[in-house]
């Protein structure tokens, strides 16, 4: 991902949108808060840090950045926090498509209408990952086992609802397994999930 090019392209949009809430000619005159809807080590965190690093290295802004990780509740903790700072031009929010999904599934009343969307910065590819010593060598191995017994495999997901969750249930459904019986363990964020996977917990 070319974060540098994306940042250069969207910085003018960011400044124009944010400056509406600040006094003309003075924005920015203090640090920008980047609220990441995930814990350290997850995908959103990696993107937020890459964006922060690019802004600092290219000196696209005269001020610095403060990164605030707020994982948990499928992104709703961060969403509520940002909503409480409504009108603050010094707050940026990094989130996934949960900005749409969470209201649809009923975990929050907030959606993209409650923030000011600036840009779609990334598209992610979703994969199933197992430890190197796992008996599973392909997705088909897992799907075959799920079809025979949907409760026989336990999946870890960053949060619920999430792309992670749908990336498991939809292929299983298409393969003929009962998605309602599949075991999903929800973590606080993708970063927490990765740590536990590597620790084999």
Protein backbone atom coordinates (compact mmCIF):
# COMPACT_ATOMS: atom_id res chain seq x y z
CA UNK A 1 0.00 0.00 0.00
CA UNK A 2 1.40 3.38 -0.96
CA UNK A 3 0.41 5.36 2.12
CA UNK A 4 2.61 8.29 1.12
CA UNK A 5 0.78 8.79 -2.16
CA UNK A 6 -2.63 8.40 -0.51
CA UNK A 7 -1.76 10.86 2.22
CA UNK A 8 -0.57 13.44 -0.30
CA UNK A 9 -3.75 13.01 -2.32
CA UNK A 10 -6.21 13.26 0.54
CA UNK A 11 -4.50 15.77 2.84
CA UNK A 12 -6.02 18.79 1.01
CA UNK A 13 -9.49 17.22 1.41
CA UNK A 14 -8.83 16.60 5.09
CA UNK A 15 -7.65 20.14 5.69
CA UNK A 16 -10.58 21.70 3.84
CA UNK A 17 -13.11 19.60 5.74
CA UNK A 18 -11.52 20.04 9.15
CA UNK A 19 -10.85 23.75 8.73
CA UNK A 20 -14.59 24.40 8.60
CA UNK A 21 -14.64 23.85 12.35
CA UNK A 22 -11.55 25.96 13.03
CA UNK A 23 -10.74 29.61 12.72
CA UNK A 24 -9.72 30.48 9.15
CA UNK A 25 -5.99 30.71 8.57
CA UNK A 26 -4.98 29.01 11.83
CA UNK A 27 -5.63 25.32 11.14
CA UNK A 28 -3.82 23.27 12.22
CA UNK A 29 -2.09 24.93 15.14
CA UNK A 30 -1.89 21.90 17.46
CA UNK A 31 -1.55 18.13 17.25
CA UNK A 32 -4.10 15.99 15.42
CA UNK A 33 -5.69 13.11 17.37
CA UNK A 34 -5.98 9.90 15.35
CA UNK A 35 -8.54 7.59 16.97
CA UNK A 36 -8.02 4.01 15.78
CA UNK A 37 -10.97 1.66 16.31
CA UNK A 38 -8.71 -1.26 17.23
CA UNK A 39 -6.02 -2.35 19.66
CA UNK A 40 -2.26 -2.28 18.94
CA UNK A 41 -1.14 -4.88 16.41
CA UNK A 42 -4.38 -5.12 14.43
CA UNK A 43 -4.99 -4.04 10.85
CA UNK A 44 -6.52 -0.66 11.69
CA UNK A 45 -3.67 0.05 14.10
CA UNK A 46 -1.05 -0.76 11.44
CA UNK A 47 -2.77 1.55 8.99
CA UNK A 48 -3.11 4.34 11.55
CA UNK A 49 0.59 4.12 12.42
CA UNK A 50 1.57 4.06 8.74
CA UNK A 51 -0.54 7.17 8.14
CA UNK A 52 0.98 8.91 11.16
CA UNK A 53 4.52 7.98 10.12
CA UNK A 54 3.96 9.16 6.55
CA UNK A 55 2.58 12.50 7.65
CA UNK A 56 5.57 13.06 9.90
CA UNK A 57 8.19 11.91 7.39
CA UNK A 58 6.78 13.97 4.52
CA UNK A 59 6.02 16.96 6.75
CA UNK A 60 2.63 17.33 5.11
CA UNK A 61 1.39 19.01 8.26
CA UNK A 62 3.24 21.53 10.46
CA UNK A 63 1.96 19.83 13.62
CA UNK A 64 2.30 16.35 15.08
CA UNK A 65 -0.09 13.49 15.76
CA UNK A 66 -1.33 11.61 18.80
CA UNK A 67 -2.47 8.04 18.14
CA UNK A 68 -5.22 6.71 20.42
CA UNK A 69 -6.13 3.02 20.19
CA UNK A 70 -9.68 2.18 21.21
CA UNK A 71 -10.40 -1.47 20.53
CA UNK A 72 -13.46 -3.31 21.77
CA UNK A 73 -17.20 -3.65 21.20
CA UNK A 74 -16.70 -4.16 17.47
CA UNK A 75 -15.49 -0.60 17.03
CA UNK A 76 -18.38 0.95 18.94
CA UNK A 77 -16.22 2.27 21.78
CA UNK A 78 -14.17 4.35 19.35
CA UNK A 79 -17.27 5.37 17.44
CA UNK A 80 -18.96 6.69 20.59
CA UNK A 81 -15.80 8.50 21.67
CA UNK A 82 -15.47 10.26 18.31
CA UNK A 83 -19.16 11.11 18.28
CA UNK A 84 -18.75 12.84 21.66
CA UNK A 85 -16.06 15.02 20.07
CA UNK A 86 -18.43 16.18 17.33
CA UNK A 87 -17.30 19.46 15.81
CA UNK A 88 -13.66 18.98 16.83
CA UNK A 89 -11.58 19.44 13.65
CA UNK A 90 -8.52 17.95 15.36
CA UNK A 91 -9.94 14.42 15.55
CA UNK A 92 -9.43 11.80 12.82
CA UNK A 93 -11.17 8.43 12.99
CA UNK A 94 -9.79 5.23 11.45
CA UNK A 95 -12.44 2.51 11.02
CA UNK A 96 -13.41 -0.37 8.74
CA UNK A 97 -16.77 -1.07 7.09
CA UNK A 98 -18.19 -1.54 10.59
CA UNK A 99 -19.16 2.11 10.19
CA UNK A 100 -22.01 0.64 8.11
CA UNK A 101 -22.36 -2.90 9.44
CA UNK A 102 -22.78 -2.24 13.16
CA UNK A 103 -25.97 -0.24 12.84
CA UNK A 104 -27.42 -2.78 10.41
CA UNK A 105 -26.90 -5.63 12.88
CA UNK A 106 -28.16 -3.50 15.77
CA UNK A 107 -25.09 -3.07 17.99
CA UNK A 108 -25.18 0.74 17.81
CA UNK A 109 -27.41 3.59 16.68
CA UNK A 110 -24.44 5.42 15.14
CA UNK A 111 -23.37 5.11 11.51
CA UNK A 112 -21.56 7.08 8.82
CA UNK A 113 -24.14 9.89 9.05
CA UNK A 114 -22.78 10.69 12.52
CA UNK A 115 -19.25 11.40 11.27
CA UNK A 116 -17.77 13.13 8.22
CA UNK A 117 -16.30 10.50 5.86
CA UNK A 118 -13.06 11.79 4.31
CA UNK A 119 -11.74 8.96 2.16
CA UNK A 120 -11.64 5.23 1.59
CA UNK A 121 -7.95 4.58 2.10
CA UNK A 122 -7.53 0.80 2.03
CA UNK A 123 -9.04 -2.45 0.82
CA UNK A 124 -8.06 -5.56 2.74
CA UNK A 125 -7.83 -9.19 1.72
CA UNK A 126 -9.23 -11.62 4.25
CA UNK A 127 -7.56 -14.99 4.83
CA UNK A 128 -7.78 -17.93 7.19
CA UNK A 129 -4.57 -18.44 9.18
CA UNK A 130 -3.46 -21.43 11.25
CA UNK A 131 -0.29 -22.24 13.12
CA UNK A 132 2.49 -23.96 11.19
CA UNK A 133 1.91 -27.19 13.15
CA UNK A 134 -1.83 -27.28 12.42
CA UNK A 135 -3.26 -30.42 10.74
CA UNK A 136 -5.12 -28.13 8.33
CA UNK A 137 -3.18 -27.44 5.14
CA UNK A 138 -5.90 -25.72 3.08
CA UNK A 139 -9.25 -24.00 3.40
CA UNK A 140 -10.85 -27.10 1.86
CA UNK A 141 -9.56 -29.20 4.76
CA UNK A 142 -11.36 -26.90 7.17
CA UNK A 143 -14.54 -26.70 5.12
CA UNK A 144 -14.72 -30.49 4.81
CA UNK A 145 -14.49 -30.80 8.58
CA UNK A 146 -17.10 -28.08 9.09
CA UNK A 147 -19.49 -29.76 6.68
CA UNK A 148 -19.20 -33.03 8.59
CA UNK A 149 -19.48 -31.29 11.98
CA UNK A 150 -19.92 -27.47 12.16
CA UNK A 151 -18.84 -27.48 15.82
CA UNK A 152 -15.53 -29.27 15.18
CA UNK A 153 -13.47 -26.15 14.39
CA UNK A 154 -13.14 -23.06 16.57
CA UNK A 155 -12.48 -19.75 14.78
CA UNK A 156 -11.04 -16.63 16.36
CA UNK A 157 -12.21 -13.27 15.03
CA UNK A 158 -11.09 -9.75 15.84
CA UNK A 159 -14.56 -8.54 16.74
CA UNK A 160 -18.25 -9.22 16.15
CA UNK A 161 -19.71 -7.96 13.92
CA UNK A 162 -16.82 -7.81 11.48
CA UNK A 163 -15.47 -8.79 8.10
CA UNK A 164 -13.66 -11.60 9.92
CA UNK A 165 -16.97 -13.09 10.99
CA UNK A 166 -18.54 -12.88 7.53
CA UNK A 167 -15.39 -14.30 5.93
CA UNK A 168 -16.02 -17.48 7.90
CA UNK A 169 -19.78 -17.83 7.84
CA UNK A 170 -20.38 -17.07 4.17
CA UNK A 171 -17.90 -19.62 2.74
CA UNK A 172 -19.14 -22.23 5.23
CA UNK A 173 -22.74 -21.59 4.19
CA UNK A 174 -21.83 -21.84 0.50
CA UNK A 175 -20.01 -25.13 1.19
CA UNK A 176 -23.06 -26.66 2.87
CA UNK A 177 -22.14 -26.26 6.53
CA UNK A 178 -24.61 -24.85 9.05
CA UNK A 179 -23.29 -21.35 9.90
CA UNK A 180 -25.46 -21.11 13.02
CA UNK A 181 -23.52 -23.96 14.65
CA UNK A 182 -20.01 -22.72 13.89
CA UNK A 183 -17.98 -21.74 16.95
CA UNK A 184 -16.61 -18.19 16.88
CA UNK A 185 -14.49 -16.68 19.64
CA UNK A 186 -14.52 -12.89 19.57
CA UNK A 187 -11.48 -10.95 20.75
CA UNK A 188 -11.12 -7.28 21.58
CA UNK A 189 -9.39 -6.65 18.26
CA UNK A 190 -7.34 -8.29 15.54
CA UNK A 191 -4.14 -7.51 17.42
CA UNK A 192 -5.32 -9.42 20.49
CA UNK A 193 -6.42 -12.30 18.28
CA UNK A 194 -2.99 -12.59 16.65
CA UNK A 195 -1.23 -12.65 20.01
CA UNK A 196 -3.45 -15.45 21.30
CA UNK A 197 -3.09 -17.44 18.06
CA UNK A 198 0.69 -17.36 18.29
CA UNK A 199 0.48 -18.40 21.95
CA UNK A 200 -1.84 -21.27 20.93
CA UNK A 201 -4.56 -20.26 23.35
